[in-house]
Every structure is written in structure tokens, then in C-alpha cells.
Amino acid sequence: MERRRSFFRWRNINIALAALVLLVAGLVFGPIAVRGPQIVSITPADGTKDANPQGGIQIVFSQWVRPDSVRAA
């Protein structure tokens, strides 16, 4: 019994909780980071005949994108 008690010290409990939090964060945010941003919508729509040529274009992504990388593309 004394041997098991050494596993239940606060340090070991905190290490286990930190590992659990890192594991859950990796499972939640991992696929988002690997997949990258996807285009959700574009305004005006493709093939629109009455679009204003001097109007702006709006592109909506599924996650945050650095504006400099979009301008370069």
C-alpha cells in the first residue's frame, strides 16, 4: 500500500493532468492545423454577370489567414 501511495503525490497528479490537457488539445486542434485554411465563400459568386468591376471581392476562409500571404497569392 505504501508503494501505491507514492504515485498519488501532488507532483505526479499535476504531471498527469498536464499530459491529459496536452493530449486533448492535440486531438482538438491538430486536424485544424494540419488541414490548413479552406475557402468558405467568395463574393461576388463565380459566373455572376452583373458584378461591379470596380467593387471589392470578399473571400471568407474557414480559419484565420495572414493578410500578407493572401495578397502574395
C-alpha atoms as a PDB file:
ATOM      1  CA  MET A   1       0.000   0.000   0.000  1.00  0.00           C
ATOM      2  CA  GLU A   2       2.859   2.361   0.770  1.00  0.00           C
ATOM      3  CA  ARG A   3       4.265   1.793  -2.701  1.00  0.00           C
ATOM      4  CA  ARG A   4       0.994   2.896  -4.358  1.00  0.00           C
ATOM      5  CA  ARG A   5       0.780   5.956  -2.177  1.00  0.00           C
ATOM      6  CA  SER A   6       3.978   7.309  -3.742  1.00  0.00           C
ATOM      7  CA  PHE A   7       2.198   7.512  -7.122  1.00  0.00           C
ATOM      8  CA  PHE A   8      -0.502   9.792  -5.718  1.00  0.00           C
ATOM      9  CA  ARG A   9       1.698  12.734  -4.819  1.00  0.00           C
ATOM     10  CA  TRP A  10       0.684  16.219  -5.995  1.00  0.00           C
ATOM     11  CA  ARG A  11       3.592  16.396  -8.404  1.00  0.00           C
ATOM     12  CA  ASN A  12       2.562  13.196 -10.170  1.00  0.00           C
ATOM     13  CA  ILE A  13      -1.082  14.230 -10.270  1.00  0.00           C
ATOM     14  CA  ASN A  14      -0.152  17.600 -11.819  1.00  0.00           C
ATOM     15  CA  ILE A  15       2.062  15.924 -14.424  1.00  0.00           C
ATOM     16  CA  ALA A  16      -0.750  13.533 -15.355  1.00  0.00           C
ATOM     17  CA  LEU A  17      -3.257  16.387 -15.651  1.00  0.00           C
ATOM     18  CA  ALA A  18      -0.868  18.443 -17.806  1.00  0.00           C
ATOM     19  CA  ALA A  19      -0.305  15.448 -20.091  1.00  0.00           C
ATOM     20  CA  LEU A  20      -4.057  14.935 -20.363  1.00  0.00           C
ATOM     21  CA  VAL A  21      -4.630  18.597 -21.270  1.00  0.00           C
ATOM     22  CA  LEU A  22      -1.907  18.441 -23.949  1.00  0.00           C
ATOM     23  CA  LEU A  23      -3.388  15.256 -25.379  1.00  0.00           C
ATOM     24  CA  VAL A  24      -6.895  16.715 -25.591  1.00  0.00           C
ATOM     25  CA  ALA A  25      -5.588  19.962 -27.126  1.00  0.00           C
ATOM     26  CA  GLY A  26      -3.697  17.957 -29.740  1.00  0.00           C
ATOM     27  CA  LEU A  27      -6.786  15.942 -30.611  1.00  0.00           C
ATOM     28  CA  VAL A  28      -8.921  19.081 -30.936  1.00  0.00           C
ATOM     29  CA  PHE A  29      -6.539  21.491 -32.684  1.00  0.00           C
ATOM     30  CA  GLY A  30      -4.310  19.012 -34.544  1.00  0.00           C
ATOM     31  CA  PRO A  31      -6.612  18.378 -37.503  1.00  0.00           C
ATOM     32  CA  ILE A  32      -7.250  22.105 -37.908  1.00  0.00           C
ATOM     33  CA  ALA A  33      -3.524  22.862 -38.065  1.00  0.00           C
ATOM     34  CA  VAL A  34      -2.781  20.023 -40.490  1.00  0.00           C
ATOM     35  CA  ARG A  35      -5.652  20.704 -42.869  1.00  0.00           C
ATOM     36  CA  GLY A  36      -4.989  24.412 -43.308  1.00  0.00           C
ATOM     37  CA  PRO A  37      -7.471  27.119 -44.266  1.00  0.00           C
ATOM     38  CA  GLN A  38     -10.266  26.282 -46.678  1.00  0.00           C
ATOM     39  CA  ILE A  39     -12.301  28.793 -48.711  1.00  0.00           C
ATOM     40  CA  VAL A  40     -15.840  29.012 -47.342  1.00  0.00           C
ATOM     41  CA  SER A  41     -17.349  31.608 -49.695  1.00  0.00           C
ATOM     42  CA  ILE A  42     -16.435  34.176 -52.339  1.00  0.00           C
ATOM     43  CA  THR A  43     -18.411  37.321 -53.129  1.00  0.00           C
ATOM     44  CA  PRO A  44     -19.356  38.022 -55.932  1.00  0.00           C
ATOM     45  CA  ALA A  45     -20.118  34.429 -56.862  1.00  0.00           C
ATOM     46  CA  ASP A  46     -18.337  32.752 -59.767  1.00  0.00           C
ATOM     47  CA  GLY A  47     -20.096  33.431 -63.076  1.00  0.00           C
ATOM     48  CA  THR A  48     -22.035  36.485 -61.887  1.00  0.00           C
ATOM     49  CA  LYS A  49     -22.970  38.600 -64.919  1.00  0.00           C
ATOM     50  CA  ASP A  50     -23.938  41.826 -63.129  1.00  0.00           C
ATOM     51  CA  ALA A  51     -20.913  42.193 -60.808  1.00  0.00           C
ATOM     52  CA  ASN A  52     -19.459  45.671 -60.425  1.00  0.00           C
ATOM     53  CA  PRO A  53     -15.918  45.614 -61.889  1.00  0.00           C
ATOM     54  CA  GLN A  54     -14.876  48.416 -59.528  1.00  0.00           C
ATOM     55  CA  GLY A  55     -16.392  46.725 -56.473  1.00  0.00           C
ATOM     56  CA  GLY A  56     -14.447  44.701 -53.965  1.00  0.00           C
ATOM     57  CA  ILE A  57     -14.012  40.967 -53.731  1.00  0.00           C
ATOM     58  CA  GLN A  58     -14.614  39.207 -50.420  1.00  0.00           C
ATOM     59  CA  ILE A  59     -13.080  35.793 -49.680  1.00  0.00           C
ATOM     60  CA  VAL A  60     -14.064  34.040 -46.424  1.00  0.00           C
ATOM     61  CA  PHE A  61     -11.747  31.321 -45.063  1.00  0.00           C
ATOM     62  CA  SER A  62     -12.518  28.619 -42.513  1.00  0.00           C
ATOM     63  CA  GLN A  63      -9.772  29.867 -40.172  1.00  0.00           C
ATOM     64  CA  TRP A  64      -7.537  32.888 -39.644  1.00  0.00           C
ATOM     65  CA  VAL A  65      -5.141  33.680 -42.522  1.00  0.00           C
ATOM     66  CA  ARG A  66      -2.263  36.178 -42.588  1.00  0.00           C
ATOM     67  CA  PRO A  67      -3.243  39.006 -44.971  1.00  0.00           C
ATOM     68  CA  ASP A  68       0.272  39.189 -46.455  1.00  0.00           C
ATOM     69  CA  SER A  69       0.161  35.572 -47.610  1.00  0.00           C
ATOM     70  CA  VAL A  70      -3.221  36.089 -49.299  1.00  0.00           C
ATOM     71  CA  ARG A  71      -2.067  39.222 -51.126  1.00  0.00           C
ATOM     72  CA  ALA A  72       1.022  37.403 -52.416  1.00  0.00           C
ATOM     73  CA  ALA A  73      -1.064  34.528 -53.759  1.00  0.00           C
END
